[in-house]
């Protein structure tokens, strides 16, 4: 894999650390600024709002400059936001710093996914995307616990200085390792007649690109993929948001054990991310359906296993694995369906993860407030995962119907699993690939890049 993926992973590690480390530092921050814990919680919710707002705005701006330069600007914005938080003289200033840092989140992962996919051969796109997201998953295993420990022992401001340093390292990596002209990811075969026109060159902006970016949302497969993102990862957050009361009240763990239980969840995320990326390149929709079935079943089982310490720890790890196994396939699905104009849709799909977080938090709070017990959010999570599965099945059925149902897609979904052939046994035509330059790993092998 190209070294440029390492630079993207470093940036993802820093972003993942700053997003979640605040949860472990809320008491220290609240005490210094003289605010309540719920008020300090705005530092987490404000970040989520910033991701949702920043993803489309900065993605649209990013269509006018090269993707490498945009990634560098985004990392610069991330560094600025964390320095503002570290030096904040008042709570309002720190909140502003959190929002500034969050603006880079969605666009970085959205544009970074396009860059990662463009750096490799078509049959390795999901694996490349998963390697970038490995930085985010490792942040939950290493960055967040160490950042929390550093903040508790040496002061929370030093944590944000360290995270800003990670941003500088990521910025330097992008500047040194990401090529200037990044090949556009190979699109799916023959877009719909009314779809966006092919991209004129590798990673270069063009006149009217924003219109093409918006036109991608007329593709029902793009909307279905984003719906799967909201519901699928929403199922994960329904459990994780309320993991502390679940583990202390149901499983009997001490409060101090919650941090290390979340490390186990992070280990599962790392494993699921890598496995999902590998197998999504072979059979995307089957892989996605299997992961969602497993996620729904595991979340439902968690209502029972959460009452036993060992079983709860194992189940929590599996939730992380099955939940994040959906991320590379879903991000690749969006890129496949919008290969001619992927920037806005890719960034919006990252924002959809945060929308799923908000939806899951609300639903989990509803069932807890209704008195169904500390493990009840898992049932809400399982329902969300089943909703994502229903969308995945719908997407597969539409794909089998061909262009009338949706933009045709590569032979990585249900058609591949069923071994569908062209009418009368005729061979299907080889897809045409966008972009004028070959990928770093060389041209795709064969007609399908498989």
Protein backbone atom coordinates (compact mmCIF):
# COMPACT_ATOMS: atom_id res chain seq x y z
CA UNK A 1 0.00 0.00 0.00
CA UNK A 2 1.26 3.56 -0.72
CA UNK A 3 2.94 5.48 2.12
CA UNK A 4 0.45 8.30 1.56
CA UNK A 5 -2.09 6.13 3.38
CA UNK A 6 0.10 6.42 6.49
CA UNK A 7 -0.22 10.20 6.40
CA UNK A 8 -4.01 9.90 6.13
CA UNK A 9 -4.06 7.41 9.01
CA UNK A 10 -2.04 9.79 11.22
CA UNK A 11 -4.51 12.58 10.53
CA UNK A 12 -7.39 10.20 11.28
CA UNK A 13 -5.70 9.19 14.55
CA UNK A 14 -5.50 12.81 15.69
CA UNK A 15 -9.11 13.53 14.70
CA UNK A 16 -10.40 10.41 16.44
CA UNK A 17 -8.46 11.25 19.59
CA UNK A 18 -9.76 14.81 19.88
CA UNK A 19 -13.34 13.73 19.18
CA UNK A 20 -13.58 11.22 22.03
CA UNK A 21 -10.94 12.28 24.57
CA UNK A 22 -13.12 15.11 25.85
CA UNK A 23 -15.51 12.56 27.37
CA UNK A 24 -12.88 11.48 29.88
CA UNK A 25 -11.81 15.04 30.68
CA UNK A 26 -15.21 16.66 31.31
CA UNK A 27 -14.80 16.78 35.13
CA UNK A 28 -11.43 18.56 34.87
CA UNK A 29 -12.66 21.03 32.26
CA UNK A 30 -15.88 21.74 34.17
CA UNK A 31 -13.95 22.36 37.39
CA UNK A 32 -11.51 24.81 35.80
CA UNK A 33 -14.19 26.89 34.07
CA UNK A 34 -16.68 26.63 36.92
CA UNK A 35 -19.48 25.05 34.88
CA UNK A 36 -21.61 21.97 35.47
CA UNK A 37 -20.87 18.60 33.87
CA UNK A 38 -23.97 18.86 31.62
CA UNK A 39 -22.79 22.27 30.44
CA UNK A 40 -19.30 20.90 29.81
CA UNK A 41 -21.02 18.20 27.74
CA UNK A 42 -21.66 20.85 25.10
CA UNK A 43 -17.99 20.39 24.18
CA UNK A 44 -18.95 16.93 22.87
CA UNK A 45 -22.30 17.81 21.31
CA UNK A 46 -20.89 21.02 19.82
CA UNK A 47 -18.21 18.96 18.11
CA UNK A 48 -20.85 16.66 16.60
CA UNK A 49 -22.83 19.63 15.28
CA UNK A 50 -19.65 21.07 13.78
CA UNK A 51 -19.00 17.80 11.93
CA UNK A 52 -22.49 17.84 10.43
CA UNK A 53 -22.22 21.47 9.33
CA UNK A 54 -18.59 21.44 8.27
CA UNK A 55 -18.75 18.32 6.11
CA UNK A 56 -20.90 19.71 3.27
CA UNK A 57 -19.59 23.29 3.41
CA UNK A 58 -15.89 22.43 3.31
CA UNK A 59 -16.45 19.58 0.86
CA UNK A 60 -18.04 22.03 -1.59
CA UNK A 61 -15.14 24.43 -1.12
CA UNK A 62 -12.80 21.52 -1.69
CA UNK A 63 -14.12 20.97 -5.21
CA UNK A 64 -12.34 24.14 -6.31
CA UNK A 65 -8.79 23.21 -5.29
CA UNK A 66 -6.66 20.09 -5.44
CA UNK A 67 -7.47 17.37 -2.95
CA UNK A 68 -3.94 17.39 -1.52
CA UNK A 69 -4.10 21.11 -0.81
CA UNK A 70 -7.56 20.73 0.72
CA UNK A 71 -6.34 17.98 3.03
CA UNK A 72 -3.50 20.23 4.15
CA UNK A 73 -5.90 23.11 4.83
CA UNK A 74 -8.17 20.82 6.80
CA UNK A 75 -5.32 19.59 8.98
CA UNK A 76 -4.29 23.22 9.52
CA UNK A 77 -7.84 24.02 10.66
CA UNK A 78 -7.72 21.01 12.98
CA UNK A 79 -4.46 22.19 14.55
CA UNK A 80 -5.84 25.71 15.01
CA UNK A 81 -8.99 24.45 16.73
CA UNK A 82 -7.07 22.30 19.20
CA UNK A 83 -4.66 25.12 20.04
CA UNK A 84 -7.62 27.44 20.70
CA UNK A 85 -9.04 24.79 23.05
CA UNK A 86 -5.69 24.33 24.80
CA UNK A 87 -5.23 28.08 25.40
CA UNK A 88 -8.87 28.99 26.01
CA UNK A 89 -9.30 31.57 28.82
CA UNK A 90 -13.04 30.90 29.09
CA UNK A 91 -15.49 28.08 28.44
CA UNK A 92 -17.03 29.84 25.43
CA UNK A 93 -13.62 30.14 23.77
CA UNK A 94 -12.94 26.45 24.32
CA UNK A 95 -16.31 25.58 22.81
CA UNK A 96 -15.38 27.70 19.78
CA UNK A 97 -12.10 25.81 19.52
CA UNK A 98 -13.92 22.48 19.58
CA UNK A 99 -16.23 23.62 16.77
CA UNK A 100 -13.29 24.89 14.70
CA UNK A 101 -11.53 21.53 15.03
CA UNK A 102 -14.72 19.63 14.22
CA UNK A 103 -15.24 21.48 10.94
CA UNK A 104 -12.31 19.57 9.48
CA UNK A 105 -13.60 16.15 10.56
CA UNK A 106 -16.20 15.23 7.93
CA UNK A 107 -14.39 16.79 4.98
CA UNK A 108 -11.07 15.18 5.94
CA UNK A 109 -12.50 11.67 6.05
CA UNK A 110 -14.66 12.31 3.00
CA UNK A 111 -11.86 13.67 0.82
CA UNK A 112 -9.34 11.30 2.41
CA UNK A 113 -11.49 8.33 1.35
CA UNK A 114 -11.42 9.56 -2.25
CA UNK A 115 -7.65 10.03 -2.10
CA UNK A 116 -7.10 6.60 -0.53
CA UNK A 117 -9.26 4.91 -3.17
CA UNK A 118 -7.47 6.78 -5.96
CA UNK A 119 -4.04 5.67 -4.79
CA UNK A 120 -4.63 1.96 -5.40
CA UNK A 121 -5.99 -0.40 -8.02
CA UNK A 122 -9.81 -0.68 -8.17
CA UNK A 123 -9.90 -4.09 -6.51
CA UNK A 124 -8.17 -2.66 -3.41
CA UNK A 125 -10.24 0.46 -2.81
CA UNK A 126 -12.08 -0.71 0.32
CA UNK A 127 -8.85 -2.04 1.82
CA UNK A 128 -7.18 1.34 1.25
CA UNK A 129 -10.10 3.17 2.85
CA UNK A 130 -9.97 0.81 5.83
CA UNK A 131 -6.27 1.55 6.32
CA UNK A 132 -7.04 5.25 6.60
CA UNK A 133 -9.83 4.52 9.10
CA UNK A 134 -7.40 2.36 11.08
CA UNK A 135 -6.07 5.63 12.46
CA UNK A 136 -9.54 6.45 13.79
CA UNK A 137 -10.00 3.00 15.34
CA UNK A 138 -6.53 3.03 16.92
CA UNK A 139 -7.38 6.37 18.47
CA UNK A 140 -9.98 4.58 20.60
CA UNK A 141 -7.43 1.96 21.66
CA UNK A 142 -4.38 4.16 22.24
CA UNK A 143 -5.04 7.87 21.73
CA UNK A 144 -8.12 8.33 23.92
CA UNK A 145 -6.87 6.37 26.98
CA UNK A 146 -3.43 8.01 26.84
CA UNK A 147 -4.92 11.44 26.24
CA UNK A 148 -7.29 10.98 29.16
CA UNK A 149 -4.45 9.82 31.41
CA UNK A 150 -2.25 12.73 30.34
CA UNK A 151 -5.05 15.21 31.00
CA UNK A 152 -5.83 13.79 34.41
CA UNK A 153 -2.19 13.68 35.50
CA UNK A 154 -0.67 16.77 33.85
CA UNK A 155 -3.69 18.94 33.01
CA UNK A 156 -6.29 18.74 30.25
CA UNK A 157 -4.70 21.63 28.32
CA UNK A 158 -1.60 19.54 27.66
CA UNK A 159 -3.81 16.88 26.08
CA UNK A 160 -5.04 19.32 23.45
CA UNK A 161 -1.50 20.57 22.83
CA UNK A 162 -0.46 16.96 22.18
CA UNK A 163 -3.42 16.44 19.83
CA UNK A 164 -2.46 19.62 17.95
CA UNK A 165 1.01 18.09 17.60
CA UNK A 166 -0.55 15.03 16.00
CA UNK A 167 -2.27 17.38 13.58
CA UNK A 168 1.05 18.98 12.66
CA UNK A 169 2.51 15.52 12.06
CA UNK A 170 -0.45 14.61 9.86
CA UNK A 171 -0.12 17.88 7.93
CA UNK A 172 3.57 17.23 7.31
CA UNK A 173 2.79 13.69 6.19
CA UNK A 174 0.17 14.84 3.69
CA UNK A 175 2.54 17.49 2.34
CA UNK A 176 5.38 15.00 1.91
CA UNK A 177 3.65 11.78 0.89
CA UNK A 178 0.35 12.52 -0.87
CA UNK A 179 0.94 13.09 -4.60
CA UNK A 180 -0.18 16.34 -6.22
CA UNK A 181 -2.26 14.76 -8.95
CA UNK A 182 -4.28 12.04 -7.31
CA UNK A 183 -5.94 9.62 -9.73
CA UNK A 184 -9.72 9.69 -9.49
CA UNK A 185 -11.15 6.44 -8.08
CA UNK A 186 -12.36 4.12 -10.82
CA UNK A 187 -16.14 4.50 -11.15
CA UNK A 188 -18.79 1.87 -11.50
CA UNK A 189 -19.59 0.77 -15.05
CA UNK A 190 -21.68 3.03 -17.26
CA UNK A 191 -23.45 5.63 -15.09
CA UNK A 192 -27.13 6.30 -15.53
CA UNK A 193 -27.98 8.36 -18.61
CA UNK A 194 -28.95 11.39 -16.55
CA UNK A 195 -26.06 11.07 -14.12
CA UNK A 196 -22.96 13.27 -13.79
CA UNK A 197 -20.58 13.45 -16.73
CA UNK A 198 -17.17 11.76 -16.41
CA UNK A 199 -14.42 13.59 -14.58
CA UNK A 200 -11.95 15.30 -16.94
CA UNK A 201 -8.77 14.50 -15.09
CA UNK A 202 -7.24 13.02 -11.94
CA UNK A 203 -8.25 14.98 -8.89
CA UNK A 204 -8.51 18.37 -10.62
CA UNK A 205 -11.41 20.79 -10.08
CA UNK A 206 -13.53 22.00 -12.95
CA UNK A 207 -16.26 24.49 -13.78
CA UNK A 208 -19.75 23.40 -12.75
CA UNK A 209 -18.43 20.68 -10.42
CA UNK A 210 -20.72 21.73 -7.54
CA UNK A 211 -23.75 21.06 -9.74
CA UNK A 212 -22.39 17.59 -10.48
CA UNK A 213 -21.73 17.00 -6.78
CA UNK A 214 -25.34 17.85 -5.94
CA UNK A 215 -26.63 15.75 -8.83
CA UNK A 216 -25.11 12.68 -7.19
CA UNK A 217 -27.86 12.83 -4.57
CA UNK A 218 -30.43 11.99 -7.25
CA UNK A 219 -28.99 8.49 -7.22
CA UNK A 220 -31.18 6.39 -4.92
CA UNK A 221 -28.24 4.09 -4.17
CA UNK A 222 -26.34 7.00 -2.65
CA UNK A 223 -29.28 7.82 -0.38
CA UNK A 224 -29.67 4.17 0.59
CA UNK A 225 -25.97 3.93 1.49
CA UNK A 226 -26.22 7.02 3.68
CA UNK A 227 -29.34 5.63 5.32
CA UNK A 228 -27.40 2.45 6.09
CA UNK A 229 -24.66 4.57 7.65
CA UNK A 230 -27.10 6.42 9.89
CA UNK A 231 -28.96 3.32 11.05
CA UNK A 232 -26.09 0.83 11.11
CA UNK A 233 -23.66 2.88 13.16
CA UNK A 234 -26.56 4.34 15.09
CA UNK A 235 -27.09 0.82 16.40
CA UNK A 236 -23.53 0.81 17.70
CA UNK A 237 -23.87 4.19 19.41
CA UNK A 238 -27.14 3.18 21.06
CA UNK A 239 -25.11 0.71 23.13
CA UNK A 240 -21.86 2.65 23.51
CA UNK A 241 -23.41 5.96 24.57
CA UNK A 242 -24.92 4.29 27.64
CA UNK A 243 -22.15 1.78 28.24
CA UNK A 244 -21.15 3.21 31.65
CA UNK A 245 -24.47 2.59 33.45
CA UNK A 246 -24.85 -0.70 31.57
CA UNK A 247 -21.49 -2.05 32.75
CA UNK A 248 -21.72 -0.74 36.31
CA UNK A 249 -25.38 -1.50 37.05
CA UNK A 250 -25.91 -4.69 35.03
CA UNK A 251 -22.46 -6.32 34.75
CA UNK A 252 -21.17 -5.13 38.12
CA UNK A 253 -17.95 -3.49 36.92
CA UNK A 254 -16.39 -0.65 38.91
CA UNK A 255 -16.55 2.85 37.46
CA UNK A 256 -12.80 2.78 36.87
CA UNK A 257 -13.14 -0.25 34.59
CA UNK A 258 -15.25 1.52 31.97
CA UNK A 259 -12.23 3.12 30.27
CA UNK A 260 -10.57 -0.25 29.68
CA UNK A 261 -13.81 -1.82 28.55
CA UNK A 262 -13.93 0.90 25.89
CA UNK A 263 -10.39 -0.12 24.91
CA UNK A 264 -11.76 -3.61 24.21
CA UNK A 265 -14.45 -1.98 22.09
CA UNK A 266 -11.70 -0.14 20.23
CA UNK A 267 -9.77 -3.38 19.63
CA UNK A 268 -12.92 -4.79 18.06
CA UNK A 269 -13.21 -1.69 15.88
CA UNK A 270 -9.65 -2.13 14.59
CA UNK A 271 -10.24 -5.78 13.71
CA UNK A 272 -13.66 -5.19 12.13
CA UNK A 273 -12.36 -2.27 10.09
CA UNK A 274 -9.53 -4.30 8.55
CA UNK A 275 -11.67 -7.38 7.90
CA UNK A 276 -14.50 -5.27 6.46
CA UNK A 277 -12.11 -3.49 4.13
CA UNK A 278 -10.59 -6.72 2.88
CA UNK A 279 -13.80 -8.58 2.14
CA UNK A 280 -15.73 -5.57 0.83
CA UNK A 281 -13.38 -5.51 -2.15
CA UNK A 282 -14.50 -9.07 -2.96
CA UNK A 283 -18.26 -8.93 -2.33
CA UNK A 284 -19.43 -5.60 -0.98
CA UNK A 285 -23.16 -6.05 -0.42
CA UNK A 286 -22.92 -9.63 0.89
CA UNK A 287 -20.21 -8.49 3.29
CA UNK A 288 -22.37 -5.58 4.41
CA UNK A 289 -25.44 -7.75 4.94
CA UNK A 290 -23.49 -10.31 6.97
CA UNK A 291 -22.00 -7.60 9.18
CA UNK A 292 -25.40 -6.01 9.81
CA UNK A 293 -27.05 -9.35 10.65
CA UNK A 294 -24.22 -10.10 13.07
CA UNK A 295 -24.41 -6.60 14.57
CA UNK A 296 -28.16 -6.80 15.15
CA UNK A 297 -27.83 -10.25 16.72
CA UNK A 298 -24.95 -9.19 18.96
CA UNK A 299 -26.77 -6.07 20.16
CA UNK A 300 -29.85 -8.13 20.97
CA UNK A 301 -27.72 -10.68 22.82
CA UNK A 302 -26.07 -7.88 24.81
CA UNK A 303 -29.29 -7.42 26.77
CA UNK A 304 -28.53 -10.84 28.30
CA UNK A 305 -24.71 -11.02 28.25
CA UNK A 306 -24.43 -7.58 29.87
CA UNK A 307 -25.32 -9.25 33.18
CA UNK A 308 -22.10 -11.28 33.21
CA UNK A 309 -18.66 -9.61 33.37
CA UNK A 310 -16.79 -11.93 31.00
CA UNK A 311 -19.65 -12.27 28.52
CA UNK A 312 -20.19 -8.51 28.55
CA UNK A 313 -16.53 -7.84 27.71
CA UNK A 314 -16.59 -10.32 24.80
CA UNK A 315 -19.88 -8.96 23.46
CA UNK A 316 -18.65 -5.38 23.65
CA UNK A 317 -15.61 -6.33 21.56
CA UNK A 318 -17.85 -8.01 18.98
CA UNK A 319 -20.09 -4.94 18.75
CA UNK A 320 -17.02 -2.87 17.89
CA UNK A 321 -15.93 -5.45 15.30
CA UNK A 322 -19.26 -5.93 13.54
CA UNK A 323 -20.13 -2.23 13.74
CA UNK A 324 -16.92 -0.98 12.16
CA UNK A 325 -16.86 -3.80 9.61
CA UNK A 326 -19.63 -1.80 7.89
CA UNK A 327 -17.59 1.41 7.56
CA UNK A 328 -15.22 0.62 4.64
CA UNK A 329 -18.01 -1.07 2.61
CA UNK A 330 -20.39 1.87 3.10
CA UNK A 331 -17.76 4.48 2.27
CA UNK A 332 -16.72 2.51 -0.82
CA UNK A 333 -20.37 2.09 -1.80
CA UNK A 334 -20.82 5.86 -1.85
CA UNK A 335 -17.63 6.32 -3.89
CA UNK A 336 -18.68 3.62 -6.36
CA UNK A 337 -22.04 5.28 -6.92
CA UNK A 338 -20.66 8.84 -7.22
CA UNK A 339 -17.29 8.22 -8.85
CA UNK A 340 -17.75 11.11 -11.30
CA UNK A 341 -18.39 13.65 -8.49
CA UNK A 342 -17.69 12.00 -5.12
CA UNK A 343 -16.46 14.79 -2.82
CA UNK A 344 -19.71 16.08 -1.31
CA UNK A 345 -21.39 12.68 -1.00
CA UNK A 346 -18.29 11.14 0.58
CA UNK A 347 -18.09 13.92 3.18
CA UNK A 348 -21.83 13.79 3.84
CA UNK A 349 -21.57 10.06 4.51
CA UNK A 350 -19.09 10.85 7.28
CA UNK A 351 -21.58 13.34 8.67
CA UNK A 352 -24.17 10.56 8.58
CA UNK A 353 -22.19 8.70 11.25
CA UNK A 354 -22.69 11.63 13.59
CA UNK A 355 -26.37 11.81 12.66
CA UNK A 356 -26.62 8.15 13.63
CA UNK A 357 -24.92 9.01 16.92
CA UNK A 358 -27.52 11.68 17.67
CA UNK A 359 -30.43 9.43 16.67
CA UNK A 360 -29.14 6.54 18.78
CA UNK A 361 -28.55 8.76 21.81
CA UNK A 362 -32.12 10.04 21.58
CA UNK A 363 -33.66 6.57 21.17
CA UNK A 364 -31.52 5.09 23.92
CA UNK A 365 -32.56 7.89 26.24
CA UNK A 366 -36.22 7.25 25.42
CA UNK A 367 -36.11 3.58 26.38
CA UNK A 368 -34.07 4.30 29.51
CA UNK A 369 -36.47 7.05 30.51
CA UNK A 370 -39.39 4.68 30.01
CA UNK A 371 -37.94 2.46 32.73
CA UNK A 372 -36.93 -0.58 30.66
CA UNK A 373 -33.63 -1.00 32.47
CA UNK A 374 -29.94 -0.24 31.82
CA UNK A 375 -29.58 -2.77 28.97
CA UNK A 376 -32.64 -1.54 27.03
CA UNK A 377 -30.65 0.73 24.66
CA UNK A 378 -29.30 -2.48 23.10
CA UNK A 379 -32.78 -3.35 21.84
CA UNK A 380 -33.06 0.09 20.24
CA UNK A 381 -29.63 -0.49 18.69
CA UNK A 382 -30.63 -3.88 17.33
CA UNK A 383 -33.72 -2.30 15.74
CA UNK A 384 -31.58 0.35 14.06
CA UNK A 385 -29.20 -2.31 12.72
CA UNK A 386 -32.13 -4.28 11.31
CA UNK A 387 -33.33 -1.10 9.62
CA UNK A 388 -29.90 -0.75 7.99
CA UNK A 389 -30.11 -4.39 6.88
CA UNK A 390 -33.49 -3.72 5.25
CA UNK A 391 -31.93 -0.84 3.30
CA UNK A 392 -29.01 -3.06 2.24
CA UNK A 393 -31.39 -5.71 0.91
CA UNK A 394 -33.38 -3.00 -0.90
CA UNK A 395 -30.17 -1.69 -2.44
CA UNK A 396 -29.22 -5.16 -3.64
CA UNK A 397 -32.65 -5.78 -5.17
CA UNK A 398 -32.57 -2.44 -6.99
CA UNK A 399 -29.09 -3.20 -8.28
CA UNK A 400 -30.27 -6.52 -9.71
CA UNK A 401 -33.04 -4.70 -11.58
CA UNK A 402 -30.43 -2.63 -13.41
CA UNK A 403 -30.38 1.05 -14.47
CA UNK A 404 -34.11 1.60 -13.93
CA UNK A 405 -33.76 0.75 -10.29
CA UNK A 406 -30.43 2.46 -9.69
CA UNK A 407 -27.12 3.31 -11.22
CA UNK A 408 -25.41 0.08 -12.14
CA UNK A 409 -22.65 -1.02 -9.81
CA UNK A 410 -19.54 -3.16 -10.00
CA UNK A 411 -19.81 -6.90 -9.65
CA UNK A 412 -19.17 -6.79 -5.93
CA UNK A 413 -22.69 -7.14 -4.59
CA UNK A 414 -25.48 -9.69 -4.63
CA UNK A 415 -25.00 -10.20 -8.38
CA UNK A 416 -21.49 -11.44 -7.72
CA UNK A 417 -22.69 -13.78 -5.01
CA UNK A 418 -25.41 -15.18 -7.24
CA UNK A 419 -23.13 -15.42 -10.26
CA UNK A 420 -25.52 -13.41 -12.42
CA UNK A 421 -24.75 -13.49 -16.12
CA UNK A 422 -25.69 -11.24 -18.99
CA UNK A 423 -28.80 -12.15 -20.99
CA UNK A 424 -28.44 -15.25 -23.19
CA UNK A 425 -25.15 -16.00 -21.50
CA UNK A 426 -23.37 -13.14 -23.25
CA UNK A 427 -20.33 -11.74 -21.55
CA UNK A 428 -20.84 -8.38 -19.85
CA UNK A 429 -18.82 -5.48 -21.22
CA UNK A 430 -15.78 -4.32 -19.30
CA UNK A 431 -16.33 -1.09 -17.34
CA UNK A 432 -14.82 2.19 -18.41
CA UNK A 433 -12.68 3.86 -15.75
CA UNK A 434 -12.56 7.59 -15.09
CA UNK A 435 -9.34 9.49 -14.69
CA UNK A 436 -6.47 9.73 -17.09
CA UNK A 437 -3.63 8.47 -14.96
CA UNK A 438 -3.06 4.94 -13.66
CA UNK A 439 -3.26 4.24 -9.97
CA UNK A 440 -0.06 4.02 -7.96
CA UNK A 441 -0.28 0.27 -7.88
CA UNK A 442 -0.74 0.04 -11.62
CA UNK A 443 -3.74 -0.40 -13.88
CA UNK A 444 -6.59 -2.69 -12.90
CA UNK A 445 -6.13 -6.28 -13.86
CA UNK A 446 -8.73 -7.65 -16.26
CA UNK A 447 -11.97 -5.99 -17.23
CA UNK A 448 -13.36 -5.72 -13.70
CA UNK A 449 -10.29 -4.94 -11.66
CA UNK A 450 -10.91 -8.10 -9.68
